[in-house]
Amino acid sequence: MSFETAALGAAFTWAVGGLVATAPTRTLGGPRFTRVRMYFVAVALVVIATLVGGWSTLDGGKVVLLSLSGIAGLALGDVALFTAFYRIGPRRTGILFAANAPMAAIISAIIFGERFTPASFTGSVLVILGVVLAIAFGTRPGQSHHWEAIEGSVLVGAAFGLLGALGQAVGVLLADPAFANGDLDPWTGAAVRAVVGTATLVALNPWLNRRNPVPVTNAISARTWGLVIVSGTVSMVIGKTLVLIALGSGDPGIVSVLIATSPVMQLPLIWAATRELPAAGAWAGAVLATVGTAAIVV
C-alpha cells in the first residue's frame, strides 16, 4: 500500500468515524467520550499487535517518540477535538481540523528541514483551499439539522478545534521519526500510542471531569456504547494505524495534507445522513481539493 493510499484511507475513516462520534460526543462530552473510546481502542490494538508479533520491532527511542505522540495527538488533541465537536458540530470542527495540515507543514519545515516540490506545494495549497471552501460553505441557509447546533460560545469551540488540530499535527510529527527506518510494525506503534494516551487520560480524568460541559453519570446506554465502539474501530484502530503506515514511507507534511481532505469527504456523508444538500460552494471546494490531491499523488 502506498503512503498516499494509506493517508487518503485514513482521511475517509476519520470522515465516517467523526460523524458516528457526533451523537455520543453530545451525550458524554468530549473528555469522557475520548477516554471511554480509548479503553476499547487500546485493548484492541494491543491484541492485534500481539497477534502479528510486532513487539520485537520496538526499541527505547521509538517508545519515547510514540509515547509523546500519544500524549499530544490522542490524549490532548482528541479531547480538544471532540470538545469542539460537542460545542460547534462536525462541519465547523472540520474547518478547524483542516488547519493541522499547514501547522504540520510549517513545524516539519522548521524542525526537519523538509521542503515540498513545486507540484506538491501547489497541490497542498489547492487541497487546503478546497477543504476550507468545502466546509465553510458546506450548508445552505435554512438548514436545521441538529448537527448545526452550537453549545456555548463559538469562539471557545473554535479554540478547542484549533487546539485539536495542533495536537494532531504535533502527534503526527512526533511519530514520524519512529518509522524512519521502515522496521516498526504500524499496529505495534499504534498500540503504544493508544496505551500511553489512555493512561494519560486516566491520570487527567479528575481534572477533565470538572471541565466537562456534560454532567458525568455512571450509566452509558447500550446504543452509546455501540457508537463509541464503531467510532473507535473506524477512526482509531483502522484510521490511526493507516496514518502510521503512511508515515512509514511518506513525508509527514504531505501525509497531513492528504489527511486534511477528510472534511471534504464528509460532505456527501453529511448529505446522506441529514438529507440536506450542501451548497454549491461546498462541491466546488471538493473538486478543488481533488485536483490538489491529484497533484500531490502524481
Protein backbone atom coordinates (compact mmCIF):
# COMPACT_ATOMS: atom_id res chain seq x y z
CA MET A 1 0.00 0.00 0.00
CA SER A 2 1.41 3.41 -0.98
CA PHE A 3 1.62 6.13 1.64
CA GLU A 4 -0.81 8.27 -0.41
CA THR A 5 -3.41 5.48 -0.38
CA ALA A 6 -2.92 4.94 3.34
CA ALA A 7 -3.27 8.66 4.11
CA LEU A 8 -6.42 9.02 1.99
CA GLY A 9 -7.82 5.87 3.59
CA ALA A 10 -7.22 7.42 6.99
CA ALA A 11 -9.00 10.57 5.85
CA PHE A 12 -12.05 8.55 4.84
CA THR A 13 -12.16 6.57 8.07
CA TRP A 14 -11.97 9.82 10.03
CA ALA A 15 -14.79 11.27 7.94
CA VAL A 16 -17.01 8.30 8.79
CA GLY A 17 -15.85 7.91 12.37
CA GLY A 18 -16.28 11.61 13.08
CA LEU A 19 -19.93 11.55 12.07
CA VAL A 20 -20.54 8.37 14.07
CA ALA A 21 -18.94 10.12 17.06
CA THR A 22 -21.23 13.17 16.94
CA ALA A 23 -24.12 11.66 18.92
CA PRO A 24 -22.08 10.06 21.74
CA THR A 25 -19.95 13.19 21.99
CA ARG A 26 -23.08 15.26 22.58
CA THR A 27 -24.18 12.71 25.19
CA LEU A 28 -20.90 12.25 27.05
CA GLY A 29 -18.94 15.41 26.33
CA GLY A 30 -15.54 15.47 24.61
CA PRO A 31 -13.28 14.40 27.52
CA ARG A 32 -15.40 11.45 28.67
CA PHE A 33 -16.11 10.27 25.13
CA THR A 34 -12.41 10.30 24.29
CA ARG A 35 -11.45 8.37 27.43
CA VAL A 36 -14.19 5.74 27.08
CA ARG A 37 -13.36 5.21 23.43
CA MET A 38 -9.65 4.84 24.19
CA TYR A 39 -10.31 1.99 26.64
CA PHE A 40 -11.64 -0.09 23.76
CA VAL A 41 -9.08 1.13 21.22
CA ALA A 42 -6.07 0.43 23.44
CA VAL A 43 -7.17 -3.12 24.20
CA ALA A 44 -7.96 -3.84 20.53
CA LEU A 45 -4.60 -2.55 19.30
CA VAL A 46 -2.60 -4.41 21.96
CA VAL A 47 -4.33 -7.66 20.96
CA ILE A 48 -3.65 -7.04 17.26
CA ALA A 49 -0.01 -6.09 17.89
CA THR A 50 0.46 -9.28 19.89
CA LEU A 51 -1.14 -11.43 17.22
CA VAL A 52 1.07 -10.02 14.47
CA GLY A 53 4.18 -10.35 16.67
CA GLY A 54 5.20 -6.72 16.33
CA TRP A 55 6.55 -6.01 19.82
CA SER A 56 10.06 -7.03 18.80
CA THR A 57 10.21 -4.10 16.36
CA LEU A 58 10.24 -1.60 19.23
CA ASP A 59 13.24 -0.03 20.94
CA GLY A 60 13.61 2.57 23.66
CA GLY A 61 13.86 5.56 21.34
CA LYS A 62 10.76 4.57 19.39
CA VAL A 63 8.76 4.02 22.58
CA VAL A 64 9.62 7.54 23.76
CA LEU A 65 8.61 9.14 20.45
CA LEU A 66 5.41 7.13 20.20
CA SER A 67 4.54 7.88 23.83
CA LEU A 68 4.95 11.62 23.29
CA SER A 69 2.91 11.30 20.10
CA GLY A 70 0.13 9.53 22.01
CA ILE A 71 0.04 12.23 24.67
CA ALA A 72 -0.06 15.08 22.15
CA GLY A 73 -2.27 13.55 19.49
CA LEU A 74 -4.61 11.21 21.37
CA ALA A 75 -4.85 12.44 24.96
CA LEU A 76 -4.69 16.20 24.44
CA GLY A 77 -5.54 16.59 20.75
CA ASP A 78 -8.55 14.27 20.67
CA VAL A 79 -10.03 15.68 23.88
CA ALA A 80 -9.85 19.17 22.38
CA LEU A 81 -11.18 17.99 19.01
CA PHE A 82 -14.21 16.19 20.42
CA THR A 83 -14.92 19.05 22.79
CA ALA A 84 -15.17 21.15 19.63
CA PHE A 85 -17.49 18.51 18.14
CA TYR A 86 -19.74 18.91 21.17
CA ARG A 87 -19.71 22.71 21.05
CA ILE A 88 -19.86 23.59 17.34
CA GLY A 89 -20.71 20.36 15.49
CA PRO A 90 -18.84 18.26 12.94
CA ARG A 91 -18.92 20.66 9.98
CA ARG A 92 -17.45 23.66 11.77
CA THR A 93 -14.93 21.47 13.57
CA GLY A 94 -13.90 20.20 10.14
CA ILE A 95 -12.90 23.72 9.09
CA LEU A 96 -10.60 23.97 12.06
CA PHE A 97 -9.27 20.42 11.80
CA ALA A 98 -8.01 21.25 8.30
CA ALA A 99 -5.58 23.65 9.96
CA ASN A 100 -3.50 20.65 11.07
CA ALA A 101 -2.08 20.43 7.53
CA PRO A 102 -0.40 23.84 7.36
CA MET A 103 0.54 23.50 11.04
CA ALA A 104 2.32 20.20 10.34
CA ALA A 105 3.95 21.57 7.18
CA ILE A 106 5.33 24.62 8.98
CA ILE A 107 6.55 22.65 12.00
CA SER A 108 8.05 19.99 9.71
CA ALA A 109 9.91 22.62 7.69
CA ILE A 110 11.30 24.23 10.85
CA ILE A 111 12.29 21.06 12.72
CA PHE A 112 13.08 18.55 9.96
CA GLY A 113 14.13 20.96 7.21
CA GLU A 114 11.80 19.26 4.74
CA ARG A 115 10.69 21.06 1.59
CA PHE A 116 7.82 20.48 -0.82
CA THR A 117 8.47 20.03 -4.53
CA PRO A 118 6.75 22.69 -6.70
CA ALA A 119 3.99 20.24 -7.67
CA SER A 120 3.50 19.08 -4.09
CA PHE A 121 3.45 22.65 -2.80
CA THR A 122 0.87 23.69 -5.39
CA GLY A 123 -1.22 20.63 -4.67
CA SER A 124 -1.02 21.26 -0.94
CA VAL A 125 -2.24 24.83 -1.34
CA LEU A 126 -5.14 23.64 -3.51
CA VAL A 127 -6.10 20.95 -1.01
CA ILE A 128 -6.09 23.38 1.90
CA LEU A 129 -8.11 25.97 -0.03
CA GLY A 130 -10.53 23.28 -1.18
CA VAL A 131 -11.05 21.92 2.31
CA VAL A 132 -11.73 25.36 3.76
CA LEU A 133 -14.07 26.30 0.90
CA ALA A 134 -15.94 22.99 1.12
CA ILE A 135 -16.54 23.23 4.84
CA ALA A 136 -17.08 26.98 5.14
CA PHE A 137 -19.84 26.79 2.53
CA GLY A 138 -20.97 23.30 3.46
CA THR A 139 -24.57 24.23 4.27
CA ARG A 140 -27.26 26.40 2.74
CA PRO A 141 -29.43 28.98 4.56
CA GLY A 142 -32.40 27.37 6.23
CA GLN A 143 -30.78 24.06 7.10
CA SER A 144 -31.92 22.98 10.55
CA HIS A 145 -30.26 19.65 11.33
CA HIS A 146 -29.12 19.31 14.95
CA TRP A 147 -25.52 18.86 13.79
CA GLU A 148 -25.55 22.60 13.11
CA ALA A 149 -26.46 23.45 16.74
CA ILE A 150 -23.98 25.48 18.80
CA GLU A 151 -23.43 24.81 22.51
CA GLY A 152 -22.00 27.82 24.34
CA SER A 153 -19.50 30.21 22.77
CA VAL A 154 -18.44 29.80 19.14
CA LEU A 155 -15.04 31.31 19.99
CA VAL A 156 -14.44 28.77 22.75
CA GLY A 157 -15.46 25.95 20.41
CA ALA A 158 -13.13 27.31 17.72
CA ALA A 159 -10.26 27.47 20.20
CA PHE A 160 -10.78 23.81 21.08
CA GLY A 161 -10.89 22.91 17.38
CA LEU A 162 -7.58 24.67 16.69
CA LEU A 163 -6.02 23.04 19.74
CA GLY A 164 -7.18 19.67 18.44
CA ALA A 165 -5.65 20.39 15.03
CA LEU A 166 -2.36 21.37 16.67
CA GLY A 167 -2.37 18.20 18.76
CA GLN A 168 -2.91 16.12 15.62
CA ALA A 169 -0.09 17.90 13.78
CA VAL A 170 2.38 17.52 16.65
CA GLY A 171 1.34 13.90 17.20
CA VAL A 172 2.00 13.01 13.56
CA LEU A 173 5.38 14.73 13.52
CA LEU A 174 6.49 13.09 16.76
CA ALA A 175 5.57 9.63 15.46
CA ASP A 176 7.29 10.10 12.09
CA PRO A 177 10.92 9.54 13.21
CA ALA A 178 9.93 6.25 14.84
CA PHE A 179 9.08 4.93 11.36
CA ALA A 180 12.11 6.41 9.61
CA ASN A 181 13.85 3.06 9.09
CA GLY A 182 10.72 1.24 7.97
CA ASP A 183 11.22 -1.55 10.51
CA LEU A 184 8.49 -0.65 13.02
CA ASP A 185 5.24 -2.59 12.82
CA PRO A 186 2.44 0.02 12.44
CA TRP A 187 -0.02 -1.93 14.61
CA THR A 188 2.52 -2.00 17.42
CA GLY A 189 3.28 1.68 17.01
CA ALA A 190 -0.43 2.44 17.18
CA ALA A 191 -0.77 0.25 20.28
CA VAL A 192 1.98 2.11 22.13
CA ARG A 193 0.39 5.47 21.29
CA ALA A 194 -3.03 4.21 22.41
CA VAL A 195 -1.82 2.74 25.72
CA VAL A 196 0.10 5.88 26.68
CA GLY A 197 -2.72 8.12 25.50
CA THR A 198 -5.23 6.14 27.57
CA ALA A 199 -3.01 6.23 30.65
CA THR A 200 -2.69 10.00 30.27
CA LEU A 201 -6.47 10.37 30.02
CA VAL A 202 -6.96 8.26 33.15
CA ALA A 203 -4.43 10.40 35.03
CA LEU A 204 -6.13 13.60 33.88
CA ASN A 205 -9.67 12.26 34.40
CA PRO A 206 -10.50 14.14 37.63
CA TRP A 207 -9.29 17.43 36.15
CA LEU A 208 -11.08 16.84 32.84
CA ASN A 209 -14.35 15.80 34.51
CA ARG A 210 -14.51 19.13 36.34
CA ARG A 211 -14.33 20.86 32.96
CA ASN A 212 -16.68 18.57 31.05
CA PRO A 213 -19.75 20.60 29.98
CA VAL A 214 -21.89 17.43 30.21
CA PRO A 215 -22.62 16.17 33.76
CA VAL A 216 -20.81 12.87 34.32
CA THR A 217 -23.13 9.98 35.13
CA ASN A 218 -22.31 6.33 35.71
CA ALA A 219 -24.74 4.92 33.16
CA ILE A 220 -23.86 4.68 29.47
CA SER A 221 -26.59 3.23 27.27
CA ALA A 222 -26.01 0.21 25.02
CA ARG A 223 -26.62 2.39 21.95
CA THR A 224 -23.99 4.91 23.07
CA TRP A 225 -21.51 2.11 23.76
CA GLY A 226 -22.18 0.74 20.29
CA LEU A 227 -21.49 4.10 18.65
CA VAL A 228 -18.35 4.56 20.74
CA ILE A 229 -17.02 1.16 19.66
CA VAL A 230 -17.86 1.72 15.98
CA SER A 231 -16.23 5.15 16.06
CA GLY A 232 -13.16 3.77 17.82
CA THR A 233 -12.80 0.88 15.39
CA VAL A 234 -13.16 3.02 12.27
CA SER A 235 -11.29 6.15 13.33
CA MET A 236 -8.68 4.80 15.72
CA VAL A 237 -7.98 1.10 15.17
CA ILE A 238 -8.12 1.44 11.37
CA GLY A 239 -7.67 5.17 10.75
CA LYS A 240 -4.80 5.97 13.10
CA THR A 241 -2.96 2.82 12.00
CA LEU A 242 -3.29 3.92 8.37
CA VAL A 243 -1.72 7.22 9.39
CA LEU A 244 1.27 5.38 10.83
CA ILE A 245 1.53 3.22 7.70
CA ALA A 246 1.58 6.42 5.63
CA LEU A 247 4.30 7.90 7.84
CA GLY A 248 6.41 4.78 7.27
CA SER A 249 7.31 5.93 3.76
CA GLY A 250 5.77 9.36 3.28
CA ASP A 251 6.70 12.96 4.04
CA PRO A 252 4.80 13.97 7.21
CA GLY A 253 3.77 17.29 5.67
CA ILE A 254 2.27 15.62 2.60
CA VAL A 255 0.65 12.94 4.75
CA SER A 256 -1.01 15.62 6.88
CA VAL A 257 -2.30 17.46 3.83
CA LEU A 258 -3.85 14.31 2.38
CA ILE A 259 -5.45 13.51 5.73
CA ALA A 260 -6.87 17.04 5.71
CA THR A 261 -9.20 16.01 2.88
CA SER A 262 -11.32 14.23 5.50
CA PRO A 263 -13.78 17.15 5.89
CA VAL A 264 -14.34 17.21 2.12
CA MET A 265 -15.12 13.50 2.19
CA GLN A 266 -17.66 14.20 4.93
CA LEU A 267 -19.82 16.35 2.63
CA PRO A 268 -21.63 13.55 0.77
CA LEU A 269 -21.86 11.61 4.05
CA ILE A 270 -23.49 14.60 5.77
CA TRP A 271 -25.86 14.95 2.82
CA ALA A 272 -26.84 11.30 3.05
CA ALA A 273 -27.31 11.44 6.82
CA THR A 274 -29.21 14.73 7.03
CA ARG A 275 -30.91 14.69 3.61
CA GLU A 276 -29.93 18.36 3.33
CA LEU A 277 -27.93 19.16 0.18
CA PRO A 278 -24.72 21.15 0.85
CA ALA A 279 -24.24 24.42 -1.03
CA ALA A 280 -22.69 24.66 -4.49
CA GLY A 281 -19.58 26.23 -2.97
CA ALA A 282 -19.00 23.09 -0.95
CA TRP A 283 -18.91 20.93 -4.05
CA ALA A 284 -16.61 23.42 -5.79
CA GLY A 285 -14.26 23.11 -2.85
CA ALA A 286 -14.38 19.32 -3.12
CA VAL A 287 -13.35 19.49 -6.79
CA LEU A 288 -10.52 21.88 -5.93
CA ALA A 289 -9.27 19.57 -3.20
CA THR A 290 -9.45 16.59 -5.57
CA VAL A 291 -7.30 18.39 -8.15
CA GLY A 292 -4.81 19.30 -5.44
CA THR A 293 -4.69 15.73 -4.18
CA ALA A 294 -4.01 14.51 -7.73
CA ALA A 295 -1.10 16.93 -7.99
CA ILE A 296 0.39 15.59 -4.77
CA VAL A 297 -0.06 11.92 -5.62
CA VAL A 298 1.07 12.16 -9.24
